[in-house]
């Protein structure tokens, strides 16, 4: 049984319309100038809109402490839902989970790989007045649910267009590059973990248009109120994006124009004990000043659960499929399109495919989105991306997810957010909900802030 959060009193679950934080207006664009103080702020003007956190501080523990103090109530509510989700998912398989032990295992793995992220989680725990294992469990929720054997129906679809045509180095489907070598890959001059790949194979495009990418973020309807937007300064690079309360990072773009998109995968060897995939994404956002640096971070990440992180820069694009089998890359096709859902595309990890075997709808989404993408000549902004992603079951696949009116926790999947990234502008556009409900007025544009030394 998952323990309660220590001395933190039990609180009701967070509803989509319930928050004690001041939200931001949808039409506001985040500035990039320096701020006079070092703290976390929650800002905005329009009741009912999504809360935005502005986090600052050169010291990671202090950044975390400020985040925890400002969002402690929301963290506790989100934890109540996740605690129930962990328990009910495991119970359905006749299991019980030692969540604190699993979470502290993730802390140990992260401390060895990126100790500054542990310091930031420690700060969040202190600020929120909860045990470290609880914050670690939120950041490791993918790994804990992998142990519990959670179904992941309808979880995220990504589409990117490089703005020009890629040239050589990959097959027409965009799934494999060059020959396998025993030790890993070499990618654009750095080690990733498995093939020899040239720069064009990783999506460096010829001139001819602007690169845009984006995705749906599909998750449990009961957690619709448990996410927020954020802008973070004080790490090596400033970044903006969306995440959940207590989780350091997820989807976003940094001041160097490195965008991060995020889809969960499933491998038969998935489990806990590695660095949480959400923290891998967070390290890229705060530390990768280039496409090559992002690829190096991803290739070095000792993960125990599977995900695909798509890196989008102005002139290069690739998906990196992370799993216990290692890291492999998926480039765009010869027309500049890169489409990814929730199954492996590279044949190496696909040998241990779990998600696709259990929930083959991921293949339907890939097929339908690939067809729709190739009927276009590229992407012309966030609205164009939303139109491409607005696919429902009567269109051949459920890309835009709508939850049933009732159902037990774990069965009511919904598209909680639609995100578009414009790496040339260092800007993320966020729509609160599924792509079919997006209009020009519902996008929140967020520009990555410039980082600077703060006290």
Protein backbone atom coordinates (compact mmCIF):
# COMPACT_ATOMS: atom_id res chain seq x y z
CA UNK A 1 0.00 0.00 0.00
CA UNK A 2 1.26 3.47 -0.82
CA UNK A 3 1.89 5.43 2.37
CA UNK A 4 0.38 8.83 3.05
CA UNK A 5 2.60 11.88 2.66
CA UNK A 6 4.01 11.93 6.18
CA UNK A 7 2.65 14.83 8.16
CA UNK A 8 0.88 16.32 5.16
CA UNK A 9 -2.90 16.18 5.72
CA UNK A 10 -5.09 14.35 3.24
CA UNK A 11 -6.53 16.70 0.65
CA UNK A 12 -9.16 16.24 -2.05
CA UNK A 13 -8.04 15.50 -5.58
CA UNK A 14 -7.34 18.49 -7.78
CA UNK A 15 -10.15 19.23 -10.21
CA UNK A 16 -9.59 20.86 -13.57
CA UNK A 17 -11.20 24.08 -12.35
CA UNK A 18 -9.68 24.11 -8.86
CA UNK A 19 -6.43 25.87 -7.98
CA UNK A 20 -5.20 28.34 -5.41
CA UNK A 21 -2.71 29.78 -7.89
CA UNK A 22 -3.19 32.86 -10.00
CA UNK A 23 -3.42 31.83 -13.66
CA UNK A 24 -2.00 33.53 -16.74
CA UNK A 25 -4.00 34.81 -19.67
CA UNK A 26 -3.94 32.79 -22.89
CA UNK A 27 -2.66 35.63 -25.06
CA UNK A 28 0.39 36.53 -22.99
CA UNK A 29 3.90 35.94 -24.43
CA UNK A 30 6.65 35.32 -21.87
CA UNK A 31 9.41 37.92 -21.99
CA UNK A 32 13.10 37.14 -22.09
CA UNK A 33 14.56 39.97 -20.08
CA UNK A 34 16.20 39.57 -16.67
CA UNK A 35 14.14 39.55 -13.51
CA UNK A 36 15.14 41.54 -10.43
CA UNK A 37 14.65 38.77 -7.85
CA UNK A 38 15.33 35.07 -7.44
CA UNK A 39 12.12 33.23 -6.68
CA UNK A 40 9.22 31.26 -8.06
CA UNK A 41 6.21 33.28 -9.14
CA UNK A 42 2.76 32.27 -10.27
CA UNK A 43 1.26 34.90 -12.46
CA UNK A 44 -1.66 35.82 -14.63
CA UNK A 45 -4.87 37.75 -14.83
CA UNK A 46 -7.72 35.58 -16.06
CA UNK A 47 -9.63 33.30 -13.64
CA UNK A 48 -10.04 29.76 -14.92
CA UNK A 49 -6.92 29.80 -17.12
CA UNK A 50 -3.89 27.57 -16.63
CA UNK A 51 -1.39 28.59 -13.95
CA UNK A 52 2.10 29.66 -15.05
CA UNK A 53 5.14 29.34 -12.79
CA UNK A 54 8.23 31.47 -13.27
CA UNK A 55 11.12 29.73 -11.51
CA UNK A 56 14.52 31.37 -10.95
CA UNK A 57 17.70 30.70 -9.03
CA UNK A 58 21.25 29.57 -9.76
CA UNK A 59 21.16 27.09 -6.88
CA UNK A 60 19.07 24.01 -7.76
CA UNK A 61 18.01 23.34 -4.19
CA UNK A 62 16.75 26.88 -3.84
CA UNK A 63 14.85 26.65 -7.13
CA UNK A 64 13.21 23.51 -5.84
CA UNK A 65 12.39 24.99 -2.44
CA UNK A 66 10.66 27.96 -4.04
CA UNK A 67 8.71 25.66 -6.36
CA UNK A 68 7.63 23.50 -3.44
CA UNK A 69 6.57 26.41 -1.23
CA UNK A 70 4.51 27.99 -4.01
CA UNK A 71 2.81 24.80 -5.18
CA UNK A 72 2.69 22.61 -2.07
CA UNK A 73 -1.09 22.31 -1.98
CA UNK A 74 -1.25 21.37 -5.67
CA UNK A 75 1.54 18.82 -5.22
CA UNK A 76 -0.37 17.20 -2.36
CA UNK A 77 -3.55 17.00 -4.42
CA UNK A 78 -1.73 15.55 -7.42
CA UNK A 79 -0.03 13.05 -5.13
CA UNK A 80 -3.42 11.91 -3.83
CA UNK A 81 -4.47 10.99 -7.36
CA UNK A 82 -1.17 9.35 -8.25
CA UNK A 83 -1.12 7.38 -4.99
CA UNK A 84 -4.53 5.97 -5.83
CA UNK A 85 -3.49 5.31 -9.42
CA UNK A 86 -0.39 3.38 -8.31
CA UNK A 87 -2.41 1.28 -5.86
CA UNK A 88 -5.37 0.48 -8.12
CA UNK A 89 -3.15 -0.32 -11.11
CA UNK A 90 -1.01 -2.71 -9.09
CA UNK A 91 -4.03 -4.26 -7.36
CA UNK A 92 -5.56 -5.11 -10.74
CA UNK A 93 -2.59 -7.45 -11.25
CA UNK A 94 -2.65 -8.79 -7.71
CA UNK A 95 0.39 -6.73 -6.73
CA UNK A 96 1.29 -4.28 -4.02
CA UNK A 97 3.94 -1.61 -4.55
CA UNK A 98 6.58 -0.30 -2.17
CA UNK A 99 6.44 3.15 -3.70
CA UNK A 100 8.96 4.82 -1.35
CA UNK A 101 11.54 2.13 -2.14
CA UNK A 102 10.94 2.41 -5.90
CA UNK A 103 11.16 6.20 -5.71
CA UNK A 104 14.37 6.22 -3.68
CA UNK A 105 15.89 3.82 -6.20
CA UNK A 106 15.24 6.48 -8.83
CA UNK A 107 16.92 9.04 -6.56
CA UNK A 108 20.04 6.89 -6.34
CA UNK A 109 20.23 6.45 -10.11
CA UNK A 110 19.71 10.16 -10.71
CA UNK A 111 22.27 11.17 -8.09
CA UNK A 112 24.91 9.18 -9.98
CA UNK A 113 23.92 10.74 -13.34
CA UNK A 114 22.80 14.30 -12.55
CA UNK A 115 23.11 15.15 -8.84
CA UNK A 116 21.84 18.66 -9.38
CA UNK A 117 18.41 17.24 -10.26
CA UNK A 118 18.33 15.38 -6.95
CA UNK A 119 19.19 18.62 -5.17
CA UNK A 120 16.30 20.32 -6.94
CA UNK A 121 13.90 17.52 -5.94
CA UNK A 122 15.15 17.77 -2.35
CA UNK A 123 14.35 21.46 -2.45
CA UNK A 124 10.83 20.80 -3.76
CA UNK A 125 10.23 18.31 -0.96
CA UNK A 126 11.47 20.74 1.68
CA UNK A 127 9.43 23.60 0.29
CA UNK A 128 6.26 21.53 0.03
CA UNK A 129 6.78 19.88 3.42
CA UNK A 130 6.67 16.33 2.09
CA UNK A 131 9.19 13.45 2.04
CA UNK A 132 11.75 13.30 -0.75
CA UNK A 133 10.44 9.91 -1.87
CA UNK A 134 7.08 11.48 -2.72
CA UNK A 135 8.58 14.09 -5.06
CA UNK A 136 10.80 11.39 -6.55
CA UNK A 137 7.74 9.18 -7.07
CA UNK A 138 5.99 11.93 -9.02
CA UNK A 139 9.05 12.40 -11.22
CA UNK A 140 9.36 8.60 -11.57
CA UNK A 141 5.67 7.98 -12.16
CA UNK A 142 6.39 6.42 -15.58
CA UNK A 143 8.79 3.92 -14.01
CA UNK A 144 6.47 3.08 -11.11
CA UNK A 145 3.53 2.53 -13.45
CA UNK A 146 5.76 0.31 -15.59
CA UNK A 147 6.32 -1.91 -12.53
CA UNK A 148 2.58 -1.90 -11.87
CA UNK A 149 1.84 -2.88 -15.47
CA UNK A 150 -0.35 0.11 -16.25
CA UNK A 151 -2.24 0.21 -19.55
CA UNK A 152 -1.36 3.34 -21.52
CA UNK A 153 -4.16 3.68 -24.03
CA UNK A 154 -4.12 6.78 -26.21
CA UNK A 155 -0.95 8.34 -24.85
CA UNK A 156 0.50 11.08 -27.08
CA UNK A 157 1.16 11.56 -30.78
CA UNK A 158 4.00 13.67 -32.20
CA UNK A 159 4.41 15.25 -35.64
CA UNK A 160 7.39 17.32 -36.83
CA UNK A 161 8.26 18.80 -40.22
CA UNK A 162 11.79 20.05 -40.81
CA UNK A 163 10.74 22.73 -43.26
CA UNK A 164 12.88 21.28 -46.05
CA UNK A 165 13.65 17.84 -47.41
CA UNK A 166 16.17 15.62 -45.69
CA UNK A 167 18.67 14.02 -48.03
CA UNK A 168 20.21 10.55 -47.71
CA UNK A 169 21.27 8.38 -44.84
CA UNK A 170 18.00 6.61 -44.10
CA UNK A 171 15.33 4.36 -45.52
CA UNK A 172 12.11 5.83 -46.98
CA UNK A 173 10.19 5.01 -43.79
CA UNK A 174 12.67 6.91 -41.66
CA UNK A 175 13.09 4.06 -39.18
CA UNK A 176 16.68 2.89 -39.44
CA UNK A 177 20.03 4.41 -40.31
CA UNK A 178 23.19 2.64 -41.43
CA UNK A 179 24.51 -0.62 -40.00
CA UNK A 180 24.47 -1.65 -36.36
CA UNK A 181 27.82 -1.64 -34.60
CA UNK A 182 28.50 -3.54 -31.38
CA UNK A 183 29.17 -0.60 -29.12
CA UNK A 184 26.42 1.90 -29.80
CA UNK A 185 25.84 4.59 -32.44
CA UNK A 186 27.89 7.57 -33.48
CA UNK A 187 25.61 10.48 -34.25
CA UNK A 188 26.84 13.68 -35.88
CA UNK A 189 30.21 13.35 -34.20
CA UNK A 190 29.11 12.08 -30.78
CA UNK A 191 28.18 8.75 -29.24
CA UNK A 192 24.51 7.90 -28.86
CA UNK A 193 24.54 4.16 -28.39
CA UNK A 194 24.24 2.15 -31.59
CA UNK A 195 24.66 3.08 -35.33
CA UNK A 196 26.79 5.28 -37.50
CA UNK A 197 24.59 8.15 -38.62
CA UNK A 198 25.39 11.21 -40.67
CA UNK A 199 23.95 14.66 -40.04
CA UNK A 200 21.39 14.40 -42.84
CA UNK A 201 20.15 11.08 -41.45
CA UNK A 202 19.26 12.98 -38.29
CA UNK A 203 17.14 15.51 -40.07
CA UNK A 204 19.41 18.36 -41.06
CA UNK A 205 17.31 19.88 -43.80
CA UNK A 206 17.96 21.69 -46.99
CA UNK A 207 16.60 25.25 -47.25
CA UNK A 208 12.93 25.57 -48.01
CA UNK A 209 10.75 26.40 -45.03
CA UNK A 210 10.37 26.74 -41.27
CA UNK A 211 10.62 23.83 -38.85
CA UNK A 212 7.56 23.22 -36.68
CA UNK A 213 6.70 20.32 -34.42
CA UNK A 214 4.21 19.42 -31.77
CA UNK A 215 2.13 16.82 -30.07
CA UNK A 216 -0.92 15.90 -28.12
CA UNK A 217 -0.37 15.15 -24.44
CA UNK A 218 -2.85 12.47 -23.43
CA UNK A 219 -3.25 11.46 -19.81
CA UNK A 220 -5.87 10.70 -17.16
CA UNK A 221 -8.83 13.05 -17.00
CA UNK A 222 -8.61 13.03 -13.19
CA UNK A 223 -5.24 14.81 -13.54
CA UNK A 224 -6.52 17.53 -15.87
CA UNK A 225 -5.99 20.14 -13.17
CA UNK A 226 -2.57 18.87 -12.11
CA UNK A 227 -0.42 20.44 -14.84
CA UNK A 228 0.86 23.94 -15.46
CA UNK A 229 3.11 25.94 -17.74
CA UNK A 230 6.48 27.19 -16.55
CA UNK A 231 9.51 29.30 -17.38
CA UNK A 232 12.77 28.40 -15.62
CA UNK A 233 15.96 30.46 -15.31
CA UNK A 234 19.16 29.80 -13.39
CA UNK A 235 20.26 26.48 -14.90
CA UNK A 236 22.81 26.49 -17.73
CA UNK A 237 19.97 27.48 -20.08
CA UNK A 238 16.60 29.05 -19.53
CA UNK A 239 13.58 27.14 -20.80
CA UNK A 240 9.81 27.17 -20.94
CA UNK A 241 7.25 24.39 -21.22
CA UNK A 242 4.54 22.35 -19.56
CA UNK A 243 4.86 19.94 -16.66
CA UNK A 244 2.92 18.53 -13.73
CA UNK A 245 2.99 19.76 -10.15
CA UNK A 246 6.12 18.44 -8.46
CA UNK A 247 7.69 17.19 -11.72
CA UNK A 248 10.69 19.25 -12.83
CA UNK A 249 10.12 19.08 -16.57
CA UNK A 250 8.40 17.40 -19.50
CA UNK A 251 7.76 19.18 -22.82
CA UNK A 252 9.36 22.49 -23.77
CA UNK A 253 11.96 24.58 -25.57
CA UNK A 254 15.07 26.30 -24.28
CA UNK A 255 16.81 29.55 -25.08
CA UNK A 256 19.17 27.78 -27.51
CA UNK A 257 16.15 26.74 -29.59
CA UNK A 258 16.29 23.08 -28.54
CA UNK A 259 12.73 21.74 -28.36
CA UNK A 260 11.70 18.59 -26.48
CA UNK A 261 8.62 16.49 -27.29
CA UNK A 262 7.72 13.45 -25.22
CA UNK A 263 5.88 10.15 -25.90
CA UNK A 264 5.79 7.09 -23.67
CA UNK A 265 6.80 3.71 -25.13
CA UNK A 266 6.60 0.20 -23.68
CA UNK A 267 9.31 -2.48 -23.64
CA UNK A 268 9.06 -5.94 -22.09
CA UNK A 269 12.07 -5.15 -19.88
CA UNK A 270 10.67 -1.88 -18.49
CA UNK A 271 10.82 -1.36 -14.75
CA UNK A 272 12.13 0.95 -12.04
CA UNK A 273 15.64 1.66 -10.82
CA UNK A 274 16.90 3.89 -13.64
CA UNK A 275 16.88 7.65 -14.14
CA UNK A 276 13.27 8.79 -14.60
CA UNK A 277 12.52 9.74 -18.19
CA UNK A 278 10.94 13.01 -17.06
CA UNK A 279 14.26 13.99 -15.49
CA UNK A 280 16.06 13.08 -18.69
CA UNK A 281 13.82 15.55 -20.54
CA UNK A 282 14.45 18.14 -17.82
CA UNK A 283 18.22 17.78 -18.19
CA UNK A 284 18.01 18.33 -21.94
CA UNK A 285 15.90 21.46 -21.48
CA UNK A 286 18.21 22.99 -18.89
CA UNK A 287 21.53 21.84 -20.30
CA UNK A 288 21.56 21.21 -24.07
CA UNK A 289 22.82 24.20 -26.03
CA UNK A 290 22.63 22.38 -29.37
CA UNK A 291 21.15 19.40 -31.16
CA UNK A 292 24.41 17.49 -30.65
CA UNK A 293 24.43 18.18 -26.91
CA UNK A 294 20.82 17.02 -26.60
CA UNK A 295 21.63 13.80 -28.42
CA UNK A 296 24.64 13.22 -26.19
CA UNK A 297 22.57 13.67 -23.00
CA UNK A 298 19.93 11.25 -24.27
CA UNK A 299 22.46 8.65 -25.33
CA UNK A 300 24.08 8.78 -21.90
CA UNK A 301 20.86 8.40 -19.87
CA UNK A 302 20.69 5.12 -17.90
CA UNK A 303 16.91 4.61 -18.07
CA UNK A 304 14.86 1.63 -16.90
CA UNK A 305 11.58 2.56 -18.59
CA UNK A 306 10.89 3.46 -22.21
CA UNK A 307 10.03 6.72 -23.88
CA UNK A 308 10.76 8.56 -27.10
CA UNK A 309 12.09 12.09 -26.81
CA UNK A 310 11.98 14.07 -30.03
CA UNK A 311 14.55 16.83 -30.35
CA UNK A 312 13.52 19.73 -32.60
CA UNK A 313 15.92 22.51 -33.55
CA UNK A 314 15.78 25.02 -36.37
CA UNK A 315 17.89 22.84 -38.67
CA UNK A 316 17.90 19.30 -37.22
CA UNK A 317 15.27 16.86 -35.98
CA UNK A 318 15.35 13.32 -34.59
CA UNK A 319 13.47 11.07 -32.22
CA UNK A 320 15.51 9.12 -29.69
CA UNK A 321 13.87 5.92 -28.51
CA UNK A 322 15.07 5.23 -24.97
CA UNK A 323 14.56 1.83 -23.35
CA UNK A 324 16.38 -0.78 -21.25
CA UNK A 325 17.67 -2.07 -24.63
CA UNK A 326 19.56 1.19 -25.17
CA UNK A 327 19.13 4.40 -27.18
CA UNK A 328 18.35 4.42 -30.89
CA UNK A 329 17.52 7.26 -33.26
CA UNK A 330 14.69 7.75 -35.73
CA UNK A 331 15.21 10.46 -38.40
CA UNK A 332 12.63 12.25 -40.54
CA UNK A 333 11.69 10.72 -43.88
CA UNK A 334 12.88 12.07 -47.21
CA UNK A 335 10.08 14.69 -47.26
CA UNK A 336 11.07 16.06 -43.87
CA UNK A 337 8.27 14.45 -41.82
CA UNK A 338 8.81 12.71 -38.50
CA UNK A 339 5.74 11.06 -36.96
CA UNK A 340 5.83 9.06 -33.73
CA UNK A 341 3.16 7.53 -31.52
CA UNK A 342 3.67 4.92 -28.76
CA UNK A 343 5.52 1.98 -30.29
CA UNK A 344 9.13 1.51 -31.31
CA UNK A 345 10.07 2.27 -34.90
CA UNK A 346 13.66 1.07 -34.79
CA UNK A 347 13.89 -2.74 -35.16
CA UNK A 348 16.41 -3.14 -32.33
CA UNK A 349 14.11 -2.17 -29.39
CA UNK A 350 11.03 -3.29 -31.36
CA UNK A 351 12.15 -6.83 -30.63
CA UNK A 352 10.93 -6.25 -27.08
CA UNK A 353 7.81 -4.28 -28.06
CA UNK A 354 5.19 -4.34 -25.30
CA UNK A 355 2.85 -1.44 -25.93
CA UNK A 356 2.14 -2.27 -29.57
CA UNK A 357 1.34 -5.89 -28.75
CA UNK A 358 -1.10 -4.96 -26.01
CA UNK A 359 -2.65 -1.86 -27.57
CA UNK A 360 -2.29 -1.87 -31.36
CA UNK A 361 -4.18 1.42 -31.76
CA UNK A 362 -0.77 3.12 -31.69
CA UNK A 363 -0.15 1.70 -35.18
CA UNK A 364 -3.46 3.17 -36.38
CA UNK A 365 -2.46 6.62 -35.16
CA UNK A 366 0.94 6.40 -36.86
CA UNK A 367 -0.63 5.31 -40.14
CA UNK A 368 -3.35 7.96 -40.16
CA UNK A 369 -1.04 10.81 -39.13
CA UNK A 370 1.58 9.76 -41.67
CA UNK A 371 -1.00 9.81 -44.43
CA UNK A 372 -2.40 13.18 -43.36
CA UNK A 373 1.09 14.67 -43.05
CA UNK A 374 2.11 13.66 -46.54
CA UNK A 375 -0.98 15.32 -47.99
CA UNK A 376 0.56 18.62 -46.84
CA UNK A 377 3.62 20.58 -47.89
CA UNK A 378 4.70 21.29 -44.32
CA UNK A 379 3.37 22.97 -41.19
CA UNK A 380 2.42 26.63 -41.12
CA UNK A 381 2.10 27.35 -37.42
CA UNK A 382 0.30 26.01 -34.39
CA UNK A 383 -3.14 26.11 -35.97
CA UNK A 384 -1.99 24.00 -38.89
CA UNK A 385 -0.52 21.45 -36.50
CA UNK A 386 -3.78 21.30 -34.53
CA UNK A 387 -5.73 20.68 -37.73
CA UNK A 388 -3.42 17.80 -38.62
CA UNK A 389 -3.80 16.27 -35.13
CA UNK A 390 -7.60 16.64 -35.03
CA UNK A 391 -8.40 13.00 -35.73
CA UNK A 392 -11.11 10.99 -33.96
CA UNK A 393 -12.17 7.34 -34.19
CA UNK A 394 -14.45 8.01 -37.14
CA UNK A 395 -11.34 9.23 -38.98
CA UNK A 396 -9.49 5.98 -38.44
CA UNK A 397 -7.71 6.62 -35.13
CA UNK A 398 -8.16 8.42 -31.83
CA UNK A 399 -5.43 11.05 -31.90
CA UNK A 400 -7.59 13.64 -30.15
CA UNK A 401 -8.87 11.83 -27.05
CA UNK A 402 -12.16 12.59 -25.32
CA UNK A 403 -12.87 10.88 -21.98
CA UNK A 404 -16.06 8.97 -21.19
CA UNK A 405 -18.37 10.72 -18.75
CA UNK A 406 -17.79 8.11 -16.06
CA UNK A 407 -15.34 5.37 -15.27
CA UNK A 408 -12.81 4.27 -12.69
CA UNK A 409 -9.44 5.97 -12.31
CA UNK A 410 -7.12 4.84 -15.07
CA UNK A 411 -9.80 4.41 -17.75
CA UNK A 412 -10.75 8.01 -18.63
CA UNK A 413 -8.09 9.11 -21.11
CA UNK A 414 -8.15 12.65 -22.48
CA UNK A 415 -5.96 14.97 -24.50
CA UNK A 416 -5.08 17.40 -21.73
CA UNK A 417 -2.91 19.70 -23.84
CA UNK A 418 -1.84 20.33 -27.41
CA UNK A 419 1.65 21.78 -27.84
CA UNK A 420 3.45 23.31 -30.84
CA UNK A 421 7.14 24.23 -30.87
CA UNK A 422 8.73 26.89 -33.06
CA UNK A 423 12.46 26.36 -32.44
CA UNK A 424 13.59 29.32 -34.58
CA UNK A 425 11.63 31.67 -32.29
CA UNK A 426 12.48 29.68 -29.11
CA UNK A 427 8.75 29.60 -28.53
CA UNK A 428 6.20 27.06 -27.35
CA UNK A 429 2.48 27.43 -28.10
CA UNK A 430 0.19 25.66 -25.62
CA UNK A 431 -3.51 24.93 -26.02
CA UNK A 432 -5.37 23.73 -22.94
CA UNK A 433 -7.22 20.68 -24.31
CA UNK A 434 -7.41 18.61 -27.47
CA UNK A 435 -6.48 19.94 -30.92
CA UNK A 436 -10.08 19.88 -32.16
CA UNK A 437 -10.98 22.67 -29.71
CA UNK A 438 -8.03 24.95 -30.58
CA UNK A 439 -8.72 28.38 -32.07
CA UNK A 440 -6.37 31.32 -32.71
CA UNK A 441 -7.41 32.80 -29.35
CA UNK A 442 -6.79 29.69 -27.24
CA UNK A 443 -3.04 29.34 -27.77
CA UNK A 444 -0.71 30.55 -25.02
CA UNK A 445 2.68 31.56 -26.54
CA UNK A 446 5.66 31.11 -24.23
CA UNK A 447 9.17 32.23 -25.19
CA UNK A 448 12.16 30.62 -23.48
CA UNK A 449 13.74 33.09 -21.06
CA UNK A 450 17.41 33.96 -21.18
CA UNK A 451 19.21 32.60 -18.16
CA UNK A 452 21.64 34.68 -16.11
CA UNK A 453 23.47 34.26 -12.81
CA UNK A 454 21.15 34.88 -9.90
CA UNK A 455 21.61 34.71 -6.17
